[in-house]
Protein backbone atom coordinates (compact mmCIF):
# COMPACT_ATOMS: atom_id res chain seq x y z
CA MET A 1 -119.60 172.84 -141.44
CA ASN A 2 -122.23 172.34 -144.18
CA THR A 3 -123.13 168.93 -145.61
CA LYS A 4 -121.15 169.39 -148.82
CA SER A 5 -118.00 170.43 -146.94
CA ALA A 6 -118.33 167.53 -144.50
CA THR A 7 -118.79 165.05 -147.36
CA PHE A 8 -115.77 166.48 -149.14
CA SER A 9 -113.63 166.28 -145.99
CA ILE A 10 -114.64 162.68 -145.38
CA ALA A 11 -113.80 161.78 -148.98
CA ILE A 12 -110.35 163.40 -148.65
CA ALA A 13 -109.69 161.56 -145.39
CA ALA A 14 -110.81 158.25 -146.88
CA THR A 15 -108.55 158.74 -149.89
CA PHE A 16 -105.58 159.60 -147.66
CA LEU A 17 -106.19 156.59 -145.44
CA SER A 18 -106.50 154.30 -148.45
CA SER A 19 -103.22 155.62 -149.87
CA ALA A 20 -101.47 155.18 -146.52
CA LEU A 21 -102.65 151.59 -146.31
CA VAL A 22 -101.37 150.88 -149.82
CA VAL A 23 -97.97 152.33 -148.95
CA SER A 24 -97.72 150.48 -145.62
CA THR A 25 -98.75 147.12 -147.03
CA ALA A 26 -96.84 147.33 -150.31
CA LYS A 27 -93.84 145.62 -148.71
CA ALA A 28 -94.24 144.06 -145.27
CA GLU A 29 -90.52 143.55 -144.69
CA ILE A 30 -89.30 142.82 -141.16
CA VAL A 31 -86.95 145.49 -139.79
CA SER A 32 -84.73 145.21 -136.71
CA HIS A 33 -84.80 147.77 -133.88
CA SER A 34 -81.59 149.40 -135.14
CA LYS A 35 -82.67 149.06 -138.79
CA ASP A 36 -79.39 147.20 -139.40
CA ILE A 37 -81.21 144.02 -140.42
CA ILE A 38 -84.10 143.69 -142.88
CA VAL A 39 -85.82 140.38 -143.65
CA ASP A 40 -87.56 140.14 -147.01
CA LYS A 41 -90.00 137.22 -146.92
CA PRO A 42 -91.06 135.38 -150.11
CA ALA A 43 -94.26 137.44 -150.22
CA ASP A 44 -92.13 140.63 -150.35
CA LEU A 45 -90.14 139.39 -153.36
CA PRO A 46 -91.01 138.79 -157.04
CA GLU A 47 -93.66 136.11 -157.58
CA PRO A 48 -91.34 133.40 -159.04
CA THR A 49 -89.41 133.33 -155.75
CA GLN A 50 -92.51 132.22 -153.86
CA VAL A 51 -92.28 128.68 -155.25
CA PRO A 52 -90.24 126.11 -153.27
CA GLY A 53 -86.92 125.51 -155.02
CA ILE A 54 -84.53 122.59 -155.34
CA ALA A 55 -81.19 124.40 -155.35
CA PHE A 56 -79.76 127.82 -156.13
CA GLN A 57 -76.51 129.48 -157.12
CA LEU A 58 -75.18 133.02 -156.68
CA HIS A 59 -73.09 134.36 -159.57
CA SER A 60 -71.37 137.67 -160.35
CA GLY A 61 -71.30 138.35 -164.09
CA VAL A 62 -68.03 139.30 -165.76
CA ASN A 63 -69.67 142.44 -167.15
CA GLY A 64 -71.10 143.52 -163.81
CA GLY A 65 -74.27 142.56 -162.01
CA THR A 66 -74.95 139.78 -159.51
CA TYR A 67 -77.53 137.09 -160.22
CA LEU A 68 -79.24 134.32 -158.28
CA TYR A 69 -80.32 131.22 -160.20
CA ILE A 70 -83.09 129.17 -158.54
CA GLU A 71 -83.88 125.67 -159.81
CA GLN A 72 -87.57 124.73 -159.59
CA HIS A 73 -90.11 122.17 -160.83
CA GLY A 74 -87.81 119.13 -160.96
CA GLY A 75 -85.11 121.10 -162.77
CA ASP A 76 -87.38 122.16 -165.64
CA HIS A 77 -87.38 125.82 -164.62
CA LEU A 78 -84.46 128.10 -163.81
CA VAL A 79 -85.47 131.45 -162.32
CA VAL A 80 -82.96 134.25 -162.97
CA LEU A 81 -83.00 137.05 -160.39
CA ASP A 82 -81.00 140.27 -160.52
CA VAL A 83 -79.78 140.80 -156.94
CA THR A 84 -77.16 143.45 -157.75
CA ASP A 85 -79.05 145.83 -155.46
CA PRO A 86 -80.43 143.68 -152.61
CA ALA A 87 -83.08 146.30 -151.93
CA GLN A 88 -84.41 145.97 -155.49
CA THR A 89 -84.48 142.25 -156.33
CA LYS A 90 -85.84 141.81 -159.86
CA THR A 91 -86.94 138.86 -161.96
CA VAL A 92 -84.94 138.78 -165.19
CA ARG A 93 -86.58 135.71 -166.71
CA VAL A 94 -87.66 132.12 -166.14
CA VAL A 95 -85.71 129.71 -168.39
CA ASN A 96 -87.33 126.43 -169.43
CA LEU A 97 -84.83 123.55 -169.43
CA THR A 98 -84.96 120.06 -170.93
CA VAL A 99 -83.24 117.91 -168.31
CA PRO A 100 -83.30 114.26 -167.14
CA GLY A 101 -84.14 115.33 -163.59
CA PRO A 102 -83.16 117.64 -160.70
CA PHE A 103 -79.56 118.81 -160.54
CA ASP A 104 -77.10 120.41 -158.15
CA PHE A 105 -74.70 123.27 -158.84
CA VAL A 106 -71.21 121.79 -158.41
CA ARG A 107 -68.58 124.48 -159.01
CA PRO A 108 -67.76 127.52 -161.16
CA LEU A 109 -65.80 126.93 -164.38
CA GLY A 110 -63.91 130.18 -164.69
CA GLY A 111 -66.11 133.25 -164.49
CA THR A 112 -68.46 132.35 -167.32
CA ALA A 113 -69.80 128.86 -166.64
CA MET A 114 -71.01 126.51 -163.92
CA LEU A 115 -70.75 122.72 -163.68
CA VAL A 116 -74.03 121.06 -162.73
CA ARG A 117 -74.60 117.41 -161.80
CA PHE A 118 -77.89 115.60 -162.27
CA ARG A 119 -78.96 113.58 -159.29
CA ASN A 120 -79.11 109.78 -159.28
CA ASN A 121 -75.99 109.56 -161.48
CA LEU A 122 -77.72 110.90 -164.57
CA GLY A 123 -74.66 112.78 -165.76
CA VAL A 124 -73.37 116.33 -165.80
CA ALA A 125 -73.80 119.46 -167.91
CA VAL A 126 -72.35 122.95 -168.19
CA LEU A 127 -74.41 126.07 -167.55
CA ASP A 128 -73.14 128.71 -169.97
CA LEU A 129 -73.16 132.08 -168.16
CA ARG A 130 -71.34 134.25 -170.69
CA ASN A 131 -74.58 136.20 -170.83
CA ALA A 132 -75.47 135.98 -167.14
CA ARG A 133 -79.02 137.18 -167.81
CA GLU A 134 -79.66 134.39 -170.31
CA PRO A 135 -78.11 131.13 -169.03
CA VAL A 136 -77.96 128.19 -171.43
CA LEU A 137 -77.52 124.56 -170.37
CA LYS A 138 -74.97 122.66 -172.52
CA THR A 139 -74.31 118.92 -172.62
CA VAL A 140 -70.86 117.49 -173.37
CA SER A 141 -70.63 115.03 -176.26
CA GLY A 142 -68.83 111.73 -175.66
CA LEU A 143 -69.07 111.54 -171.87
CA GLN A 144 -69.37 107.89 -170.82
CA TYR A 145 -69.35 108.01 -167.03
CA PRO A 146 -72.28 108.73 -164.75
CA GLY A 147 -71.42 111.65 -162.52
CA HIS A 148 -68.26 111.76 -160.36
CA THR A 149 -66.03 114.72 -161.22
CA GLU A 150 -62.78 116.25 -160.01
CA PRO A 151 -61.67 119.85 -160.61
CA LEU A 152 -59.00 120.54 -163.24
CA GLY A 153 -57.86 124.11 -162.74
CA GLU A 154 -60.44 126.87 -162.97
CA THR A 155 -61.91 126.07 -166.36
CA GLY A 156 -61.99 122.27 -166.62
CA PHE A 157 -62.87 119.06 -164.83
CA LEU A 158 -62.03 115.38 -164.88
CA MET A 159 -64.81 112.84 -165.39
CA VAL A 160 -64.14 109.67 -163.39
CA ASN A 161 -65.41 106.13 -163.97
CA GLU A 162 -67.05 106.07 -160.56
CA ARG A 163 -70.60 106.57 -159.39
CA HIS A 164 -71.25 109.73 -157.44
CA VAL A 165 -72.99 109.46 -154.09
CA ASP A 166 -75.54 112.27 -153.76
CA ALA A 167 -75.08 114.20 -150.52
CA GLN A 168 -78.15 114.00 -148.33
CA THR A 169 -78.91 117.52 -147.13
CA THR A 170 -81.36 117.68 -144.26
CA PRO A 171 -83.46 120.88 -144.40
CA ARG A 172 -83.11 122.99 -141.28
CA ASP A 173 -84.99 125.90 -139.75
CA TYR A 174 -83.16 129.22 -139.39
CA GLN A 175 -84.15 131.89 -136.87
CA VAL A 176 -83.18 135.53 -137.32
CA VAL A 177 -82.45 137.26 -134.01
CA ASP A 178 -81.99 141.01 -133.43
CA THR A 179 -79.68 141.89 -130.52
CA SER A 180 -79.20 145.58 -131.33
CA ASN A 181 -80.99 146.32 -128.06
CA PRO A 182 -79.30 143.88 -125.63
CA ALA A 183 -81.92 144.62 -122.98
CA ASP A 184 -84.61 143.33 -125.29
CA PRO A 185 -83.34 140.78 -127.88
CA VAL A 186 -86.02 140.00 -130.44
CA LEU A 187 -86.76 137.04 -132.71
CA LEU A 188 -87.41 138.65 -136.09
CA ASP A 189 -88.34 135.61 -138.15
CA THR A 190 -88.16 131.84 -138.54
CA VAL A 191 -87.41 130.47 -142.00
CA LYS A 192 -88.69 126.90 -142.28
CA LEU A 193 -86.93 123.93 -143.86
CA VAL A 194 -83.98 125.71 -145.48
CA SER A 195 -82.22 123.49 -148.03
CA ASN A 196 -79.75 126.04 -149.45
CA LYS A 197 -77.94 129.06 -148.01
CA ALA A 198 -75.66 131.57 -149.75
CA THR A 199 -74.03 134.83 -148.67
CA ARG A 200 -72.86 137.78 -150.72
CA ASP A 201 -70.11 139.25 -148.54
CA GLU A 202 -69.83 142.58 -150.40
CA THR A 203 -73.34 143.62 -149.41
CA GLY A 204 -73.74 141.42 -146.34
CA THR A 205 -76.74 139.71 -147.92
CA THR A 206 -77.86 136.20 -146.92
CA PHE A 207 -80.11 134.13 -149.19
CA LEU A 208 -82.14 131.24 -147.73
CA LEU A 209 -84.10 128.77 -149.88
CA GLY A 210 -86.85 127.39 -147.65
CA SER A 211 -90.12 125.50 -147.93
CA GLU A 212 -92.02 128.72 -148.73
CA GLY A 213 -89.54 130.00 -151.31
CA LEU A 214 -86.72 132.54 -151.11
CA THR A 215 -85.98 134.69 -148.06
CA ILE A 216 -83.40 137.49 -148.23
CA ILE A 217 -81.75 138.87 -145.10
CA ARG A 218 -80.30 142.30 -145.79
CA ARG A 219 -77.87 144.55 -143.92
CA PRO A 220 -78.49 148.12 -145.17
CA ARG A 221 -75.39 149.59 -143.52
CA VAL A 222 -73.09 147.15 -145.35
CA GLU A 223 -75.01 147.80 -148.59
CA ALA A 224 -74.47 151.55 -148.17
CA GLU A 225 -70.74 151.12 -147.49
CA TYR A 226 -70.37 148.92 -150.57
CA LYS A 227 -72.23 151.47 -152.72
CA VAL A 228 -69.87 154.23 -151.55
CA GLN A 229 -66.88 152.05 -152.46
CA GLN A 230 -68.30 151.36 -155.93
CA ASP A 231 -69.12 155.03 -156.53
CA THR A 232 -65.56 155.99 -155.47
CA LYS A 233 -64.07 153.49 -157.92
CA LYS A 234 -66.22 154.86 -160.74
CA ALA A 235 -65.22 158.43 -159.87
CA ASN A 236 -61.53 157.51 -160.03
């Protein structure tokens, strides 16, 4: 082989190797032996999810689509993620809020709103989700009491003249274990200091809000079955 041909071959090989490395490192998700479990770490997800959060809420919009709202920065930021397809989590937007402090998601108000309660008895507000991609926080004029509420049907609540005691949630570590090969069970991942956990049953997806941000545990087989069901409904 002459010098020019050798140089050309080396260049081709280097380019191929570089491309392979880019592909292999683009998403370093953790996959179980059977490929039935996939763990997407914060580094695998959109950048806003890599910030430790305070609380989060999963919501299915009335016009389709499933969204995850993550509260960050003392309640000042609300990250909106589109998790309709768990394999393609997307950042929709980051909403800046003017709030008295951190808050917790209390309960849905029908299918288009969410009751939130500010910690330390600083009151409540309503998160307007009629446009699920653009949530708006609304205060209620005339409320006199600090924070204890009781449900009133699906679309209302009672405000009670009683101080609310904030629940003390102790962050816990979660370990993801793969037993698809019983002869060799494997620890896939440890998610540190999880403060919030939510599950979307339709797709078998588990969301964990830990000290490093958001971790998503996916079950591709359940996702595929759900997609077939949705496609069948559309066809009919």
